[in-house]
N, C-alpha and C. Protein backbone atom coordinates (compact mmCIF):
# COMPACT_ATOMS: atom_id res chain seq x y z
N MET A 1 5.05 -17.21 12.09
CA MET A 1 5.83 -17.40 10.89
C MET A 1 4.96 -18.04 9.82
N VAL A 2 5.03 -17.50 8.62
CA VAL A 2 4.29 -18.04 7.49
C VAL A 2 5.25 -18.85 6.62
N LEU A 3 4.87 -20.07 6.31
CA LEU A 3 5.70 -20.90 5.46
C LEU A 3 5.26 -20.74 4.01
N VAL A 4 6.24 -20.63 3.13
CA VAL A 4 5.98 -20.46 1.70
C VAL A 4 6.66 -21.59 0.96
N ASP A 5 5.94 -22.20 0.06
CA ASP A 5 6.52 -23.25 -0.78
C ASP A 5 7.51 -22.59 -1.73
N PRO A 6 8.75 -23.02 -1.77
CA PRO A 6 9.75 -22.42 -2.66
C PRO A 6 9.32 -22.42 -4.13
N GLN A 7 8.46 -23.35 -4.52
CA GLN A 7 7.97 -23.39 -5.90
C GLN A 7 7.07 -22.19 -6.21
N ASP A 8 6.56 -21.53 -5.17
CA ASP A 8 5.69 -20.37 -5.35
C ASP A 8 6.45 -19.05 -5.34
N LEU A 9 7.77 -19.11 -5.26
CA LEU A 9 8.60 -17.91 -5.32
C LEU A 9 9.09 -17.71 -6.74
N LEU A 10 8.88 -16.52 -7.27
CA LEU A 10 9.25 -16.23 -8.65
C LEU A 10 10.26 -15.09 -8.71
N ASN A 11 11.30 -15.27 -9.51
CA ASN A 11 12.24 -14.17 -9.75
C ASN A 11 11.66 -13.29 -10.86
N ALA A 12 12.38 -12.26 -11.26
CA ALA A 12 11.86 -11.31 -12.25
C ALA A 12 11.57 -11.97 -13.59
N ARG A 13 12.41 -12.89 -14.02
CA ARG A 13 12.17 -13.58 -15.29
C ARG A 13 10.89 -14.39 -15.23
N GLU A 14 10.70 -15.13 -14.14
CA GLU A 14 9.51 -15.96 -13.98
C GLU A 14 8.26 -15.11 -13.81
N ALA A 15 8.39 -14.00 -13.08
CA ALA A 15 7.26 -13.08 -12.90
C ALA A 15 6.84 -12.49 -14.24
N ALA A 16 7.81 -12.09 -15.04
CA ALA A 16 7.51 -11.54 -16.36
C ALA A 16 6.79 -12.58 -17.21
N GLU A 17 7.26 -13.81 -17.18
CA GLU A 17 6.62 -14.88 -17.94
C GLU A 17 5.18 -15.08 -17.50
N LEU A 18 4.95 -15.09 -16.19
CA LEU A 18 3.60 -15.26 -15.66
C LEU A 18 2.67 -14.15 -16.14
N LEU A 19 3.21 -12.94 -16.23
CA LEU A 19 2.41 -11.78 -16.64
C LEU A 19 2.35 -11.60 -18.15
N GLY A 20 3.01 -12.47 -18.89
CA GLY A 20 2.98 -12.38 -20.34
C GLY A 20 3.88 -11.31 -20.90
N LEU A 21 4.93 -10.96 -20.17
CA LEU A 21 5.87 -9.94 -20.61
C LEU A 21 7.07 -10.59 -21.29
N ALA A 22 7.63 -9.90 -22.27
CA ALA A 22 8.71 -10.49 -23.06
C ALA A 22 10.06 -10.51 -22.33
N HIS A 23 10.29 -9.55 -21.43
CA HIS A 23 11.61 -9.43 -20.78
C HIS A 23 11.45 -9.21 -19.29
N ARG A 24 12.39 -9.73 -18.55
CA ARG A 24 12.36 -9.55 -17.09
C ARG A 24 12.49 -8.10 -16.69
N GLU A 25 13.15 -7.29 -17.53
CA GLU A 25 13.31 -5.88 -17.24
C GLU A 25 11.96 -5.15 -17.16
N ALA A 26 10.94 -5.70 -17.80
CA ALA A 26 9.61 -5.09 -17.77
C ALA A 26 9.03 -5.07 -16.35
N ILE A 27 9.48 -5.97 -15.50
CA ILE A 27 9.00 -5.98 -14.12
C ILE A 27 9.37 -4.68 -13.42
N ALA A 28 10.58 -4.19 -13.63
CA ALA A 28 10.98 -2.91 -13.03
C ALA A 28 10.08 -1.78 -13.54
N THR A 29 9.73 -1.82 -14.81
CA THR A 29 8.83 -0.81 -15.37
C THR A 29 7.46 -0.90 -14.71
N TYR A 30 6.94 -2.11 -14.55
CA TYR A 30 5.65 -2.28 -13.90
C TYR A 30 5.70 -1.80 -12.45
N ARG A 31 6.77 -2.05 -11.76
CA ARG A 31 6.90 -1.60 -10.36
C ARG A 31 6.83 -0.08 -10.26
N ARG A 32 7.38 0.61 -11.27
CA ARG A 32 7.31 2.08 -11.27
C ARG A 32 5.95 2.57 -11.74
N ARG A 33 5.37 1.91 -12.72
CA ARG A 33 4.14 2.37 -13.37
C ARG A 33 2.90 2.14 -12.53
N TYR A 34 2.82 1.00 -11.85
CA TYR A 34 1.61 0.62 -11.12
C TYR A 34 1.86 0.68 -9.61
N ASP A 35 1.16 1.63 -8.97
CA ASP A 35 1.31 1.78 -7.51
C ASP A 35 0.89 0.53 -6.75
N ASP A 36 0.01 -0.26 -7.35
CA ASP A 36 -0.50 -1.43 -6.65
C ASP A 36 0.23 -2.72 -7.04
N PHE A 37 1.33 -2.59 -7.79
CA PHE A 37 2.09 -3.79 -8.14
C PHE A 37 2.63 -4.43 -6.86
N PRO A 38 2.51 -5.74 -6.73
CA PRO A 38 2.92 -6.39 -5.48
C PRO A 38 4.39 -6.14 -5.12
N ASP A 39 4.61 -5.92 -3.86
CA ASP A 39 5.99 -5.83 -3.37
C ASP A 39 6.58 -7.23 -3.35
N PRO A 40 7.88 -7.33 -3.60
CA PRO A 40 8.51 -8.64 -3.48
C PRO A 40 8.45 -9.10 -2.03
N ILE A 41 8.40 -10.40 -1.83
CA ILE A 41 8.40 -10.89 -0.44
C ILE A 41 9.82 -11.07 0.07
N MET A 42 10.79 -11.00 -0.85
CA MET A 42 12.19 -11.07 -0.46
C MET A 42 13.02 -10.24 -1.41
N SER A 43 13.87 -9.43 -0.84
CA SER A 43 14.77 -8.61 -1.64
C SER A 43 16.09 -8.47 -0.88
N LYS A 44 17.11 -9.11 -1.42
CA LYS A 44 18.42 -9.05 -0.78
C LYS A 44 19.46 -9.02 -1.89
N GLY A 45 20.08 -7.88 -2.05
CA GLY A 45 21.03 -7.71 -3.14
C GLY A 45 20.33 -7.84 -4.47
N THR A 46 20.82 -8.71 -5.31
CA THR A 46 20.20 -8.90 -6.62
C THR A 46 19.10 -9.97 -6.59
N CYS A 47 18.87 -10.58 -5.45
CA CYS A 47 17.83 -11.61 -5.33
C CYS A 47 16.52 -10.93 -4.93
N VAL A 48 15.59 -10.89 -5.87
CA VAL A 48 14.27 -10.31 -5.62
C VAL A 48 13.24 -11.36 -6.01
N LEU A 49 12.36 -11.70 -5.06
CA LEU A 49 11.38 -12.77 -5.28
C LEU A 49 9.98 -12.31 -4.93
N TRP A 50 9.02 -12.71 -5.77
CA TRP A 50 7.61 -12.43 -5.54
C TRP A 50 6.89 -13.73 -5.26
N HIS A 51 5.79 -13.61 -4.53
CA HIS A 51 4.94 -14.76 -4.28
C HIS A 51 3.98 -14.88 -5.47
N ARG A 52 3.91 -16.06 -6.05
CA ARG A 52 3.09 -16.32 -7.24
C ARG A 52 1.65 -15.84 -7.04
N ALA A 53 1.05 -16.15 -5.90
CA ALA A 53 -0.35 -15.80 -5.66
C ALA A 53 -0.57 -14.28 -5.71
N ASP A 54 0.39 -13.51 -5.22
CA ASP A 54 0.27 -12.04 -5.26
C ASP A 54 0.23 -11.55 -6.70
N LEU A 55 1.08 -12.11 -7.54
CA LEU A 55 1.12 -11.71 -8.95
C LEU A 55 -0.13 -12.15 -9.70
N VAL A 56 -0.62 -13.33 -9.39
CA VAL A 56 -1.84 -13.83 -10.04
C VAL A 56 -3.02 -12.93 -9.67
N ARG A 57 -3.15 -12.56 -8.40
CA ARG A 57 -4.23 -11.66 -7.96
C ARG A 57 -4.11 -10.31 -8.65
N TRP A 58 -2.90 -9.77 -8.71
CA TRP A 58 -2.69 -8.48 -9.35
C TRP A 58 -3.09 -8.54 -10.83
N ARG A 59 -2.65 -9.57 -11.51
CA ARG A 59 -2.97 -9.75 -12.93
C ARG A 59 -4.49 -9.84 -13.12
N SER A 60 -5.17 -10.57 -12.27
CA SER A 60 -6.62 -10.71 -12.38
C SER A 60 -7.33 -9.38 -12.18
N ARG A 61 -6.88 -8.59 -11.23
CA ARG A 61 -7.49 -7.25 -11.00
C ARG A 61 -7.31 -6.37 -12.22
N HIS A 62 -6.13 -6.38 -12.80
CA HIS A 62 -5.86 -5.51 -13.94
C HIS A 62 -6.57 -5.99 -15.20
N GLN A 63 -6.69 -7.27 -15.38
CA GLN A 63 -7.43 -7.79 -16.53
C GLN A 63 -8.92 -7.47 -16.39
N ALA A 64 -9.43 -7.54 -15.17
CA ALA A 64 -10.85 -7.25 -14.92
C ALA A 64 -11.15 -5.78 -15.21
N ARG A 65 -10.18 -4.89 -14.98
CA ARG A 65 -10.38 -3.47 -15.24
C ARG A 65 -10.14 -3.13 -16.71
N GLY A 66 -9.69 -4.12 -17.47
CA GLY A 66 -9.41 -3.86 -18.87
C GLY A 66 -8.07 -3.24 -19.12
N ALA A 67 -7.26 -3.15 -18.06
CA ALA A 67 -5.93 -2.53 -18.20
C ALA A 67 -4.94 -3.50 -18.83
N GLY A 68 -5.21 -4.78 -18.70
CA GLY A 68 -4.27 -5.78 -19.23
C GLY A 68 -2.99 -5.78 -18.45
N THR A 69 -2.08 -6.62 -18.86
CA THR A 69 -0.76 -6.64 -18.21
C THR A 69 0.31 -6.61 -19.23
């Protein structure tokens, strides 16, 4: 079992903010547009959560390629 600090779990609004996006709805667009966008670590009903480190790594890869976020 892997323990995750609850502070490192981000909902769509928080994930969008981390990625510099204006609206949480943009996360759904990114999930469709980018095959390598991180999968949420929890998805139950309307509760969808990502691990902060996964999003930070993804953002760094895309910035390094010049794709931006």
